[in-house]
Amino acid sequence: MTETLPIFHAPKTRRLVSAWVVGGEQGAVLQRIGEFDDIFDQIILCSGTPQPDGSLNQPWPLEDRRRFCTELRQMGISPLLLYGGKSDPLKTPGNVAKFIDGMLDECRQCGADGVDIDFEHWPAVDRFLYTDFIPQLSQRLHAEGLMLSACVYPISMEARRETGMTFIDDSLLATYVDHFRYMVYDLYCPPSQYIGPTSMAPWGRETMTYAATRVPRHKIIMGLPTYSVDWDMTDPKRSRQVNDYEFIAECEKQSPIGRGWCYYWDVNLIRYTDELGHPHALWVSDAKSTKSHLVTVDSQDLQGVCFWLLQTTADPAIWQVVREHFNRW
């Protein structure tokens, strides 16, 4: 670890601001980033998964990512590459080395500042596999002046009681990881039969309080949603995540309560009926609900925030409230 790593660069605002992006509509996404390049410190490109032999697939072609990273650097934004996937390819030592080699090679070719690891839904039995993998990757990245970020489930003391041991032990890995991105969303997620918002302020405060007992605060990034959850109350299978602020605005016009603010949860609710006559409960992640989470970041003195997902259909008012709230002055 040296002061030349991107983690030590002063953020543009009072807190580090970052977001994940996926391939497609790259020009339009870059334009949106350019409109708010005064707040973004990091952009994370979803880059691929390990194949059965440890090699990388490339759903987002390498040359396109290289151009994207070049554009980001011209805006003073640090690019990272995200990799996820299942645990099976990493159960062979040779595959682990090949996977790590592939990630570092792509970082060099793209001009990225490091790697974000997003392994999800691994069984708890793979806890030691993950715990062995992260130090190996950390050592290789830090040797080249690159940083390591890891996506983590947001849990609390109460949730730990129910979920038990997971495959990620953030406290054990805090020495090796530069940023932990706690994904404070998907609390209620289709096609679950349990209906509610994807994120809410009390849950965010609770999980971030618990995270700060396990890893240093300067390594904690609070992951926040730009998307909402639209629940079909008649046919739950038709429920979905929505990242389209214009669609949400149209639903609001039909809602007998408008965009109703739910106190304590700090999230908006829209009620409407679709063309099939099905009543819907649309829990909205917007600028107002985001503001409540930003207050949590400040009050708990966390490193910053990361948004899933930066798309042109995401409400630009979210970026504006981040700009206003984290403004240094």
C-alpha atoms as a PDB file:
ATOM      1  CA  MET A   1       0.000   0.000   0.000  1.00  0.00           C
ATOM      2  CA  THR A   2       1.403   3.398  -0.984  1.00  0.00           C
ATOM      3  CA  GLU A   3       0.061   6.915  -1.155  1.00  0.00           C
ATOM      4  CA  THR A   4       0.019   6.615  -4.962  1.00  0.00           C
ATOM      5  CA  LEU A   5      -2.930   4.229  -4.877  1.00  0.00           C
ATOM      6  CA  PRO A   6      -6.223   5.783  -6.061  1.00  0.00           C
ATOM      7  CA  ILE A   7      -7.718   5.189  -2.612  1.00  0.00           C
ATOM      8  CA  PHE A   8      -5.576   8.045  -1.314  1.00  0.00           C
ATOM      9  CA  HIS A   9      -6.653  10.580  -3.922  1.00  0.00           C
ATOM     10  CA  ALA A  10      -8.777  13.311  -2.372  1.00  0.00           C
ATOM     11  CA  PRO A  11     -12.409  13.011  -3.541  1.00  0.00           C
ATOM     12  CA  LYS A  12     -13.946  15.830  -5.558  1.00  0.00           C
ATOM     13  CA  THR A  13     -16.610  16.431  -2.896  1.00  0.00           C
ATOM     14  CA  ARG A  14     -16.726  15.727   0.835  1.00  0.00           C
ATOM     15  CA  ARG A  15     -17.224  12.004   0.176  1.00  0.00           C
ATOM     16  CA  LEU A  16     -16.088   9.572  -2.493  1.00  0.00           C
ATOM     17  CA  VAL A  17     -18.787   9.136  -5.150  1.00  0.00           C
ATOM     18  CA  SER A  18     -18.807   6.140  -7.476  1.00  0.00           C
ATOM     19  CA  ALA A  19     -21.167   4.085  -9.626  1.00  0.00           C
ATOM     20  CA  TRP A  20     -21.319   0.832 -11.551  1.00  0.00           C
ATOM     21  CA  VAL A  21     -21.926   0.816 -15.319  1.00  0.00           C
ATOM     22  CA  VAL A  22     -22.630  -1.952 -17.833  1.00  0.00           C
ATOM     23  CA  GLY A  23     -21.863  -2.144 -21.542  1.00  0.00           C
ATOM     24  CA  GLY A  24     -24.325  -0.678 -24.026  1.00  0.00           C
ATOM     25  CA  GLU A  25     -25.278   2.926 -24.785  1.00  0.00           C
ATOM     26  CA  GLN A  26     -21.731   3.864 -23.868  1.00  0.00           C
ATOM     27  CA  GLY A  27     -21.853   7.256 -25.561  1.00  0.00           C
ATOM     28  CA  ALA A  28     -25.041   8.283 -23.766  1.00  0.00           C
ATOM     29  CA  VAL A  29     -23.748   7.020 -20.419  1.00  0.00           C
ATOM     30  CA  LEU A  30     -20.494   8.946 -20.851  1.00  0.00           C
ATOM     31  CA  GLN A  31     -22.512  12.046 -21.652  1.00  0.00           C
ATOM     32  CA  ARG A  32     -24.478  11.665 -18.409  1.00  0.00           C
ATOM     33  CA  ILE A  33     -21.251  11.133 -16.469  1.00  0.00           C
ATOM     34  CA  GLY A  34     -19.850  14.258 -18.112  1.00  0.00           C
ATOM     35  CA  GLU A  35     -22.806  16.287 -16.855  1.00  0.00           C
ATOM     36  CA  PHE A  36     -21.811  15.355 -13.300  1.00  0.00           C
ATOM     37  CA  ASP A  37     -18.070  14.823 -13.648  1.00  0.00           C
ATOM     38  CA  ASP A  38     -17.565  17.267 -10.774  1.00  0.00           C
ATOM     39  CA  ILE A  39     -18.881  14.655  -8.305  1.00  0.00           C
ATOM     40  CA  PHE A  40     -17.745  11.276  -9.672  1.00  0.00           C
ATOM     41  CA  ASP A  41     -14.456   9.886  -8.349  1.00  0.00           C
ATOM     42  CA  GLN A  42     -14.767   6.284  -9.540  1.00  0.00           C
ATOM     43  CA  ILE A  43     -16.713   4.472 -12.236  1.00  0.00           C
ATOM     44  CA  ILE A  44     -16.765   0.673 -12.143  1.00  0.00           C
ATOM     45  CA  LEU A  45     -17.140  -1.239 -15.411  1.00  0.00           C
ATOM     46  CA  CYS A  46     -18.891  -4.622 -15.136  1.00  0.00           C
ATOM     47  CA  SER A  47     -16.330  -6.623 -17.059  1.00  0.00           C
ATOM     48  CA  GLY A  48     -16.755 -10.392 -16.878  1.00  0.00           C
ATOM     49  CA  THR A  49     -16.739 -13.699 -15.016  1.00  0.00           C
ATOM     50  CA  PRO A  50     -14.282 -16.607 -14.723  1.00  0.00           C
ATOM     51  CA  GLN A  51     -14.957 -19.491 -17.072  1.00  0.00           C
ATOM     52  CA  PRO A  52     -14.583 -23.176 -16.021  1.00  0.00           C
ATOM     53  CA  ASP A  53     -10.869 -23.060 -16.941  1.00  0.00           C
ATOM     54  CA  GLY A  54     -10.225 -19.757 -15.115  1.00  0.00           C
ATOM     55  CA  SER A  55     -10.133 -17.634 -18.269  1.00  0.00           C
ATOM     56  CA  LEU A  56     -12.306 -14.531 -18.601  1.00  0.00           C
ATOM     57  CA  ASN A  57     -15.322 -14.015 -20.784  1.00  0.00           C
ATOM     58  CA  GLN A  58     -15.787 -10.528 -22.200  1.00  0.00           C
ATOM     59  CA  PRO A  59     -19.467  -9.534 -22.464  1.00  0.00           C
ATOM     60  CA  TRP A  60     -18.185  -5.954 -22.741  1.00  0.00           C
ATOM     61  CA  PRO A  61     -15.407  -6.085 -25.392  1.00  0.00           C
ATOM     62  CA  LEU A  62     -11.969  -5.093 -24.153  1.00  0.00           C
ATOM     63  CA  GLU A  63     -11.405  -2.420 -26.787  1.00  0.00           C
ATOM     64  CA  ASP A  64     -14.705  -0.726 -25.902  1.00  0.00           C
ATOM     65  CA  ARG A  65     -13.762  -0.737 -22.225  1.00  0.00           C
ATOM     66  CA  ARG A  66     -10.345   0.705 -23.057  1.00  0.00           C
ATOM     67  CA  ARG A  67     -11.969   3.636 -24.849  1.00  0.00           C
ATOM     68  CA  PHE A  68     -14.441   4.092 -22.003  1.00  0.00           C
ATOM     69  CA  CYS A  69     -11.623   4.192 -19.425  1.00  0.00           C
ATOM     70  CA  THR A  70      -9.730   6.731 -21.520  1.00  0.00           C
ATOM     71  CA  GLU A  71     -12.772   9.008 -21.567  1.00  0.00           C
ATOM     72  CA  LEU A  72     -13.153   8.647 -17.803  1.00  0.00           C
ATOM     73  CA  ARG A  73      -9.539   9.591 -17.173  1.00  0.00           C
ATOM     74  CA  GLN A  74      -9.966  12.728 -19.241  1.00  0.00           C
ATOM     75  CA  MET A  75     -12.729  13.704 -16.794  1.00  0.00           C
ATOM     76  CA  GLY A  76     -10.506  13.014 -13.790  1.00  0.00           C
ATOM     77  CA  ILE A  77     -12.399   9.831 -12.890  1.00  0.00           C
ATOM     78  CA  SER A  78     -10.701   6.624 -11.741  1.00  0.00           C
ATOM     79  CA  PRO A  79     -11.900   3.504 -13.621  1.00  0.00           C
ATOM     80  CA  LEU A  80     -12.155   0.093 -11.962  1.00  0.00           C
ATOM     81  CA  LEU A  81     -13.074  -3.260 -13.517  1.00  0.00           C
ATOM     82  CA  LEU A  82     -15.663  -5.494 -11.850  1.00  0.00           C
ATOM     83  CA  TYR A  83     -15.607  -9.279 -11.976  1.00  0.00           C
ATOM     84  CA  GLY A  84     -18.128 -11.719 -10.509  1.00  0.00           C
ATOM     85  CA  GLY A  85     -19.251 -15.287 -10.981  1.00  0.00           C
ATOM     86  CA  LYS A  86     -19.653 -18.685  -9.365  1.00  0.00           C
ATOM     87  CA  SER A  87     -17.176 -20.371  -7.050  1.00  0.00           C
ATOM     88  CA  ASP A  88     -16.580 -23.586  -9.013  1.00  0.00           C
ATOM     89  CA  PRO A  89     -13.870 -22.220 -11.381  1.00  0.00           C
ATOM     90  CA  LEU A  90     -11.809 -21.085  -8.378  1.00  0.00           C
ATOM     91  CA  LYS A  91     -11.663 -24.495  -6.713  1.00  0.00           C
ATOM     92  CA  THR A  92      -8.606 -25.372  -8.793  1.00  0.00           C
ATOM     93  CA  PRO A  93      -5.375 -23.520  -7.862  1.00  0.00           C
ATOM     94  CA  GLY A  94      -4.320 -23.214 -11.488  1.00  0.00           C
ATOM     95  CA  ASN A  95      -7.630 -21.569 -12.341  1.00  0.00           C
ATOM     96  CA  VAL A  96      -7.183 -19.016  -9.542  1.00  0.00           C
ATOM     97  CA  ALA A  97      -3.803 -17.961 -10.918  1.00  0.00           C
ATOM     98  CA  LYS A  98      -5.205 -17.764 -14.439  1.00  0.00           C
ATOM     99  CA  PHE A  99      -8.160 -15.693 -13.267  1.00  0.00           C
ATOM    100  CA  ILE A 100      -5.923 -13.247 -11.404  1.00  0.00           C
ATOM    101  CA  ASP A 101      -3.535 -13.001 -14.358  1.00  0.00           C
ATOM    102  CA  GLY A 102      -6.468 -12.241 -16.640  1.00  0.00           C
ATOM    103  CA  MET A 103      -7.822  -9.478 -14.412  1.00  0.00           C
ATOM    104  CA  LEU A 104      -4.439  -7.779 -14.093  1.00  0.00           C
ATOM    105  CA  ASP A 105      -3.867  -8.018 -17.828  1.00  0.00           C
ATOM    106  CA  GLU A 106      -7.213  -6.332 -18.514  1.00  0.00           C
ATOM    107  CA  CYS A 107      -6.409  -3.599 -15.987  1.00  0.00           C
ATOM    108  CA  ARG A 108      -3.145  -2.894 -17.831  1.00  0.00           C
ATOM    109  CA  GLN A 109      -4.786  -2.893 -21.252  1.00  0.00           C
ATOM    110  CA  CYS A 110      -7.708  -0.702 -20.155  1.00  0.00           C
ATOM    111  CA  GLY A 111      -5.686   1.617 -17.958  1.00  0.00           C
ATOM    112  CA  ALA A 112      -7.875   0.762 -14.961  1.00  0.00           C
ATOM    113  CA  ASP A 113      -6.852   1.563 -11.382  1.00  0.00           C
ATOM    114  CA  GLY A 114      -7.904  -1.742  -9.919  1.00  0.00           C
ATOM    115  CA  VAL A 115     -10.516  -4.460  -9.498  1.00  0.00           C
ATOM    116  CA  ASP A 116     -13.920  -4.680  -7.850  1.00  0.00           C
ATOM    117  CA  ILE A 117     -14.900  -8.251  -6.878  1.00  0.00           C
ATOM    118  CA  ASP A 118     -18.629  -9.030  -6.821  1.00  0.00           C
ATOM    119  CA  PHE A 119     -19.146 -12.686  -5.946  1.00  0.00           C
ATOM    120  CA  GLU A 120     -22.709 -13.337  -4.812  1.00  0.00           C
ATOM    121  CA  HIS A 121     -24.820 -16.324  -3.761  1.00  0.00           C
ATOM    122  CA  TRP A 122     -21.849 -18.525  -2.922  1.00  0.00           C
ATOM    123  CA  PRO A 123     -22.641 -21.221  -0.337  1.00  0.00           C
ATOM    124  CA  ALA A 124     -21.233 -20.705   3.148  1.00  0.00           C
ATOM    125  CA  VAL A 125     -19.056 -23.783   2.686  1.00  0.00           C
ATOM    126  CA  ASP A 126     -16.972 -21.743   0.209  1.00  0.00           C
ATOM    127  CA  ARG A 127     -15.990 -19.280   2.942  1.00  0.00           C
ATOM    128  CA  PHE A 128     -12.390 -20.556   3.043  1.00  0.00           C
ATOM    129  CA  LEU A 129     -12.123 -20.507  -0.741  1.00  0.00           C
ATOM    130  CA  TYR A 130     -13.053 -16.818  -0.801  1.00  0.00           C
ATOM    131  CA  THR A 131     -10.832 -16.018   2.185  1.00  0.00           C
ATOM    132  CA  ASP A 132      -7.842 -17.628   0.443  1.00  0.00           C
ATOM    133  CA  PHE A 133      -8.558 -15.924  -2.876  1.00  0.00           C
ATOM    134  CA  ILE A 134      -8.792 -12.308  -1.681  1.00  0.00           C
ATOM    135  CA  PRO A 135      -5.275 -12.089  -0.140  1.00  0.00           C
ATOM    136  CA  GLN A 136      -3.755 -13.588  -3.289  1.00  0.00           C
ATOM    137  CA  LEU A 137      -5.500 -11.030  -5.476  1.00  0.00           C
ATOM    138  CA  SER A 138      -4.683  -8.196  -3.079  1.00  0.00           C
ATOM    139  CA  GLN A 139      -0.983  -8.982  -3.104  1.00  0.00           C
ATOM    140  CA  ARG A 140      -0.826  -9.027  -6.905  1.00  0.00           C
ATOM    141  CA  LEU A 141      -2.824  -5.811  -7.309  1.00  0.00           C
ATOM    142  CA  HIS A 142      -0.964  -3.838  -4.657  1.00  0.00           C
ATOM    143  CA  ALA A 143       2.372  -4.935  -6.111  1.00  0.00           C
ATOM    144  CA  GLU A 144       1.378  -3.036  -9.284  1.00  0.00           C
ATOM    145  CA  GLY A 145      -0.068  -0.024  -7.455  1.00  0.00           C
ATOM    146  CA  LEU A 146      -3.657  -1.102  -8.098  1.00  0.00           C
ATOM    147  CA  MET A 147      -6.506  -1.214  -5.613  1.00  0.00           C
ATOM    148  CA  LEU A 148      -8.892  -3.958  -4.539  1.00  0.00           C
ATOM    149  CA  SER A 149     -12.570  -3.370  -3.864  1.00  0.00           C
ATOM    150  CA  ALA A 150     -15.081  -6.013  -2.777  1.00  0.00           C
ATOM    151  CA  CYS A 151     -18.880  -6.058  -2.850  1.00  0.00           C
ATOM    152  CA  VAL A 152     -20.442  -7.290   0.399  1.00  0.00           C
ATOM    153  CA  TYR A 153     -23.907  -8.178   1.656  1.00  0.00           C
ATOM    154  CA  PRO A 154     -25.196  -5.599   4.170  1.00  0.00           C
ATOM    155  CA  ILE A 155     -26.024  -7.423   7.388  1.00  0.00           C
ATOM    156  CA  SER A 156     -26.681  -6.509  11.018  1.00  0.00           C
ATOM    157  CA  MET A 157     -26.567  -8.261  14.348  1.00  0.00           C
ATOM    158  CA  GLU A 158     -30.246  -9.146  13.939  1.00  0.00           C
ATOM    159  CA  ALA A 159     -29.823 -10.385  10.372  1.00  0.00           C
ATOM    160  CA  ARG A 160     -26.812 -12.470  11.383  1.00  0.00           C
ATOM    161  CA  ARG A 161     -29.099 -14.291  13.786  1.00  0.00           C
ATOM    162  CA  GLU A 162     -31.252 -15.448  10.879  1.00  0.00           C
ATOM    163  CA  THR A 163     -28.759 -15.851   8.028  1.00  0.00           C
ATOM    164  CA  GLY A 164     -25.931 -17.366  10.058  1.00  0.00           C
ATOM    165  CA  MET A 165     -22.465 -17.556   8.571  1.00  0.00           C
ATOM    166  CA  THR A 166     -21.996 -16.341   4.991  1.00  0.00           C
ATOM    167  CA  PHE A 167     -19.040 -16.924   2.683  1.00  0.00           C
ATOM    168  CA  ILE A 168     -17.619 -13.405   3.245  1.00  0.00           C
ATOM    169  CA  ASP A 169     -15.837 -12.518   6.481  1.00  0.00           C
ATOM    170  CA  ASP A 170     -15.238  -8.809   6.005  1.00  0.00           C
ATOM    171  CA  SER A 171     -13.451  -8.367   9.331  1.00  0.00           C
ATOM    172  CA  LEU A 172     -10.902 -11.050   8.460  1.00  0.00           C
ATOM    173  CA  LEU A 173     -10.241  -9.500   5.033  1.00  0.00           C
ATOM    174  CA  ALA A 174     -10.091  -5.847   6.092  1.00  0.00           C
ATOM    175  CA  THR A 175      -6.290  -5.866   5.896  1.00  0.00           C
ATOM    176  CA  TYR A 176      -6.349  -6.826   2.218  1.00  0.00           C
ATOM    177  CA  VAL A 177      -9.316  -4.895   0.810  1.00  0.00           C
ATOM    178  CA  ASP A 178      -9.145  -1.142   0.134  1.00  0.00           C
ATOM    179  CA  HIS A 179     -12.886  -0.559  -0.240  1.00  0.00           C
ATOM    180  CA  PHE A 180     -15.848  -2.656   0.887  1.00  0.00           C
ATOM    181  CA  ARG A 181     -18.983  -1.825  -1.094  1.00  0.00           C
ATOM    182  CA  TYR A 182     -21.941  -2.801   1.075  1.00  0.00           C
ATOM    183  CA  MET A 183     -24.894  -3.287  -1.261  1.00  0.00           C
ATOM    184  CA  VAL A 184     -27.711  -1.591   0.653  1.00  0.00           C
ATOM    185  CA  TYR A 185     -30.421  -2.613  -1.791  1.00  0.00           C
ATOM    186  CA  ASP A 186     -32.492  -5.678  -2.742  1.00  0.00           C
ATOM    187  CA  LEU A 187     -33.960  -5.791   0.763  1.00  0.00           C
ATOM    188  CA  TYR A 188     -37.187  -6.744  -1.040  1.00  0.00           C
ATOM    189  CA  CYS A 189     -36.593  -8.048  -4.515  1.00  0.00           C
ATOM    190  CA  PRO A 190     -38.840  -9.699  -7.140  1.00  0.00           C
ATOM    191  CA  PRO A 191     -39.848 -12.489  -7.466  1.00  0.00           C
ATOM    192  CA  SER A 192     -40.027 -12.669  -3.663  1.00  0.00           C
ATOM    193  CA  GLN A 193     -43.495 -12.981  -2.147  1.00  0.00           C
ATOM    194  CA  TYR A 194     -42.452 -10.444   0.502  1.00  0.00           C
ATOM    195  CA  ILE A 195     -43.287  -6.964  -0.712  1.00  0.00           C
ATOM    196  CA  GLY A 196     -41.478  -3.758   0.164  1.00  0.00           C
ATOM    197  CA  PRO A 197     -38.863  -1.215  -0.998  1.00  0.00           C
ATOM    198  CA  THR A 198     -35.454  -2.194  -2.295  1.00  0.00           C
ATOM    199  CA  SER A 199     -33.844  -0.011   0.368  1.00  0.00           C
ATOM    200  CA  MET A 200     -34.868   2.076   3.361  1.00  0.00           C
ATOM    201  CA  ALA A 201     -33.114   4.468   5.724  1.00  0.00           C
ATOM    202  CA  PRO A 202     -33.415   2.520   9.029  1.00  0.00           C
ATOM    203  CA  TRP A 203     -31.999  -0.610   7.399  1.00  0.00           C
ATOM    204  CA  GLY A 204     -29.152   1.430   5.927  1.00  0.00           C
ATOM    205  CA  ARG A 205     -28.280   2.947   9.301  1.00  0.00           C
ATOM    206  CA  GLU A 206     -28.448  -0.424  11.026  1.00  0.00           C
ATOM    207  CA  THR A 207     -26.246  -2.241   8.523  1.00  0.00           C
ATOM    208  CA  MET A 208     -23.662   0.533   8.275  1.00  0.00           C
ATOM    209  CA  THR A 209     -23.436   0.721  12.071  1.00  0.00           C
ATOM    210  CA  TYR A 210     -22.699  -3.004  12.136  1.00  0.00           C
ATOM    211  CA  ALA A 211     -20.204  -2.769   9.255  1.00  0.00           C
ATOM    212  CA  ALA A 212     -18.243  -0.114  11.156  1.00  0.00           C
ATOM    213  CA  THR A 213     -17.705  -2.595  14.005  1.00  0.00           C
ATOM    214  CA  ARG A 214     -16.003  -4.962  11.572  1.00  0.00           C
ATOM    215  CA  VAL A 215     -13.905  -2.834   9.203  1.00  0.00           C
ATOM    216  CA  PRO A 216     -12.420   0.703   9.341  1.00  0.00           C
ATOM    217  CA  ARG A 217     -14.878   3.435   8.393  1.00  0.00           C
ATOM    218  CA  HIS A 218     -12.558   4.850   5.739  1.00  0.00           C
ATOM    219  CA  LYS A 219     -12.949   1.577   3.817  1.00  0.00           C
ATOM    220  CA  ILE A 220     -16.764   1.533   3.881  1.00  0.00           C
ATOM    221  CA  ILE A 221     -18.655   2.505   0.712  1.00  0.00           C
ATOM    222  CA  MET A 222     -22.444   2.505   1.036  1.00  0.00           C
ATOM    223  CA  GLY A 223     -23.979   0.961  -2.082  1.00  0.00           C
ATOM    224  CA  LEU A 224     -27.277   2.636  -3.032  1.00  0.00           C
ATOM    225  CA  PRO A 225     -29.955   1.954  -5.668  1.00  0.00           C
ATOM    226  CA  THR A 226     -30.969   4.199  -8.534  1.00  0.00           C
ATOM    227  CA  TYR A 227     -33.796   1.763  -9.333  1.00  0.00           C
ATOM    228  CA  SER A 228     -37.234   1.229  -7.825  1.00  0.00           C
ATOM    229  CA  VAL A 229     -39.407  -1.857  -7.282  1.00  0.00           C
ATOM    230  CA  ASP A 230     -42.822  -2.200  -8.931  1.00  0.00           C
ATOM    231  CA  TRP A 231     -44.954  -4.847  -7.242  1.00  0.00           C
ATOM    232  CA  ASP A 232     -47.959  -6.323  -9.074  1.00  0.00           C
ATOM    233  CA  MET A 233     -50.314  -7.108  -6.199  1.00  0.00           C
ATOM    234  CA  THR A 234     -52.419  -9.499  -8.274  1.00  0.00           C
ATOM    235  CA  ASP A 235     -49.688 -11.453 -10.049  1.00  0.00           C
ATOM    236  CA  PRO A 236     -46.369 -11.272  -8.126  1.00  0.00           C
ATOM    237  CA  LYS A 237     -44.560 -12.940 -11.045  1.00  0.00           C
ATOM    238  CA  ARG A 238     -45.057  -9.716 -13.020  1.00  0.00           C
ATOM    239  CA  SER A 239     -43.317  -7.619 -10.358  1.00  0.00           C
ATOM    240  CA  ARG A 240     -40.023  -6.074 -11.482  1.00  0.00           C
ATOM    241  CA  GLN A 241     -37.234  -3.649 -10.797  1.00  0.00           C
ATOM    242  CA  VAL A 242     -37.638  -0.332 -12.614  1.00  0.00           C
ATOM    243  CA  ASN A 243     -34.838   2.055 -13.591  1.00  0.00           C
ATOM    244  CA  ASP A 244     -36.885   4.481 -15.688  1.00  0.00           C
ATOM    245  CA  TYR A 245     -37.713   7.816 -14.095  1.00  0.00           C
ATOM    246  CA  GLU A 246     -40.063   8.832 -16.918  1.00  0.00           C
ATOM    247  CA  PHE A 247     -42.178   5.679 -16.430  1.00  0.00           C
ATOM    248  CA  ILE A 248     -42.281   6.365 -12.689  1.00  0.00           C
ATOM    249  CA  ALA A 249     -43.445   9.945 -13.338  1.00  0.00           C
ATOM    250  CA  GLU A 250     -46.319   8.621 -15.473  1.00  0.00           C
ATOM    251  CA  CYS A 251     -47.337   6.179 -12.737  1.00  0.00           C
ATOM    252  CA  GLU A 252     -47.293   9.028 -10.235  1.00  0.00           C
ATOM    253  CA  LYS A 253     -49.969  10.842 -12.255  1.00  0.00           C
ATOM    254  CA  GLN A 254     -52.301   7.855 -11.773  1.00  0.00           C
ATOM    255  CA  SER A 255     -51.594   7.469  -8.069  1.00  0.00           C
ATOM    256  CA  PRO A 256     -54.351   8.511  -5.640  1.00  0.00           C
ATOM    257  CA  ILE A 257     -51.617   9.397  -3.136  1.00  0.00           C
ATOM    258  CA  GLY A 258     -49.230  10.882  -5.688  1.00  0.00           C
ATOM    259  CA  ARG A 259     -45.679  10.092  -4.624  1.00  0.00           C
ATOM    260  CA  GLY A 260     -46.459   9.402  -0.981  1.00  0.00           C
ATOM    261  CA  TRP A 261     -43.584   9.834   1.462  1.00  0.00           C
ATOM    262  CA  CYS A 262     -43.377   7.019   4.027  1.00  0.00           C
ATOM    263  CA  TYR A 263     -41.892   8.485   7.172  1.00  0.00           C
ATOM    264  CA  TYR A 264     -39.322   6.486   9.142  1.00  0.00           C
ATOM    265  CA  TRP A 265     -38.647   4.269   6.138  1.00  0.00           C
ATOM    266  CA  ASP A 266     -37.772   7.448   4.185  1.00  0.00           C
ATOM    267  CA  VAL A 267     -38.935   6.134   0.841  1.00  0.00           C
ATOM    268  CA  ASN A 268     -41.737   7.122  -1.549  1.00  0.00           C
ATOM    269  CA  LEU A 269     -44.715   4.946  -2.507  1.00  0.00           C
ATOM    270  CA  ILE A 270     -46.811   5.223  -5.674  1.00  0.00           C
ATOM    271  CA  ARG A 271     -50.078   3.300  -6.050  1.00  0.00           C
ATOM    272  CA  TYR A 272     -51.575   2.761  -9.475  1.00  0.00           C
ATOM    273  CA  THR A 273     -53.636   0.283 -11.507  1.00  0.00           C
ATOM    274  CA  ASP A 274     -52.266  -1.140 -14.746  1.00  0.00           C
ATOM    275  CA  GLU A 275     -54.065  -1.862 -18.042  1.00  0.00           C
ATOM    276  CA  LEU A 276     -55.010  -5.355 -16.782  1.00  0.00           C
ATOM    277  CA  GLY A 277     -56.712  -3.912 -13.741  1.00  0.00           C
ATOM    278  CA  HIS A 278     -53.936  -5.103 -11.417  1.00  0.00           C
ATOM    279  CA  PRO A 279     -53.163  -2.804  -8.465  1.00  0.00           C
ATOM    280  CA  HIS A 280     -49.475  -1.960  -8.034  1.00  0.00           C
ATOM    281  CA  ALA A 281     -47.309  -0.765  -5.153  1.00  0.00           C
ATOM    282  CA  LEU A 282     -44.311   1.056  -6.647  1.00  0.00           C
ATOM    283  CA  TRP A 283     -41.644   1.750  -4.033  1.00  0.00           C
ATOM    284  CA  VAL A 284     -39.515   4.569  -5.412  1.00  0.00           C
ATOM    285  CA  SER A 285     -35.796   5.171  -4.962  1.00  0.00           C
ATOM    286  CA  ASP A 286     -35.393   8.835  -5.864  1.00  0.00           C
ATOM    287  CA  ALA A 287     -33.530  11.975  -4.836  1.00  0.00           C
ATOM    288  CA  LYS A 288     -35.457  12.293  -1.566  1.00  0.00           C
ATOM    289  CA  SER A 289     -34.828   8.728  -0.399  1.00  0.00           C
ATOM    290  CA  THR A 290     -31.208   8.992  -1.533  1.00  0.00           C
ATOM    291  CA  LYS A 291     -30.785  12.130   0.583  1.00  0.00           C
ATOM    292  CA  SER A 292     -31.657  10.145   3.708  1.00  0.00           C
ATOM    293  CA  HIS A 293     -28.912   7.633   2.922  1.00  0.00           C
ATOM    294  CA  LEU A 294     -26.405  10.430   2.300  1.00  0.00           C
ATOM    295  CA  VAL A 295     -27.149  11.713   5.802  1.00  0.00           C
ATOM    296  CA  THR A 296     -26.238   8.236   7.101  1.00  0.00           C
ATOM    297  CA  VAL A 297     -22.923   8.365   5.253  1.00  0.00           C
ATOM    298  CA  ASP A 298     -22.121  11.720   6.840  1.00  0.00           C
ATOM    299  CA  SER A 299     -23.344  10.899  10.329  1.00  0.00           C
ATOM    300  CA  GLN A 300     -21.325   7.672  10.406  1.00  0.00           C
ATOM    301  CA  ASP A 301     -18.294   9.243   8.714  1.00  0.00           C
ATOM    302  CA  LEU A 302     -18.104   6.630   5.949  1.00  0.00           C
ATOM    303  CA  GLN A 303     -15.815   6.891   2.926  1.00  0.00           C
ATOM    304  CA  GLY A 304     -18.585   7.429   0.401  1.00  0.00           C
ATOM    305  CA  VAL A 305     -21.273   5.949  -1.830  1.00  0.00           C
ATOM    306  CA  CYS A 306     -21.579   3.751  -4.907  1.00  0.00           C
ATOM    307  CA  PHE A 307     -24.725   3.547  -7.056  1.00  0.00           C
ATOM    308  CA  TRP A 308     -26.237   0.594  -8.849  1.00  0.00           C
ATOM    309  CA  LEU A 309     -26.787   1.472 -11.636  1.00  0.00           C
ATOM    310  CA  LEU A 310     -25.648   4.488 -13.649  1.00  0.00           C
ATOM    311  CA  GLN A 311     -27.891   4.488 -16.721  1.00  0.00           C
ATOM    312  CA  THR A 312     -29.417   7.245 -18.802  1.00  0.00           C
ATOM    313  CA  THR A 313     -32.879   6.174 -17.600  1.00  0.00           C
ATOM    314  CA  ALA A 314     -31.910   6.688 -13.946  1.00  0.00           C
ATOM    315  CA  ASP A 315     -33.319   9.869 -12.417  1.00  0.00           C
ATOM    316  CA  PRO A 316     -30.754  12.685 -12.908  1.00  0.00           C
ATOM    317  CA  ALA A 317     -32.181  14.341  -9.788  1.00  0.00           C
ATOM    318  CA  ILE A 318     -30.328  11.662  -7.799  1.00  0.00           C
ATOM    319  CA  TRP A 319     -26.979  12.946  -9.077  1.00  0.00           C
ATOM    320  CA  GLN A 320     -28.067  16.508  -8.387  1.00  0.00           C
ATOM    321  CA  VAL A 321     -28.907  15.768  -4.745  1.00  0.00           C
ATOM    322  CA  VAL A 322     -25.524  14.056  -4.332  1.00  0.00           C
ATOM    323  CA  ARG A 323     -23.851  17.160  -5.767  1.00  0.00           C
ATOM    324  CA  GLU A 324     -25.756  19.467  -3.424  1.00  0.00           C
ATOM    325  CA  HIS A 325     -25.377  17.335  -0.299  1.00  0.00           C
ATOM    326  CA  PHE A 326     -21.681  16.512  -0.622  1.00  0.00           C
ATOM    327  CA  ASN A 327     -20.618  19.948  -1.841  1.00  0.00           C
ATOM    328  CA  ARG A 328     -17.529  20.995   0.081  1.00  0.00           C
ATOM    329  CA  TRP A 329     -18.898  24.476   0.673  1.00  0.00           C
END
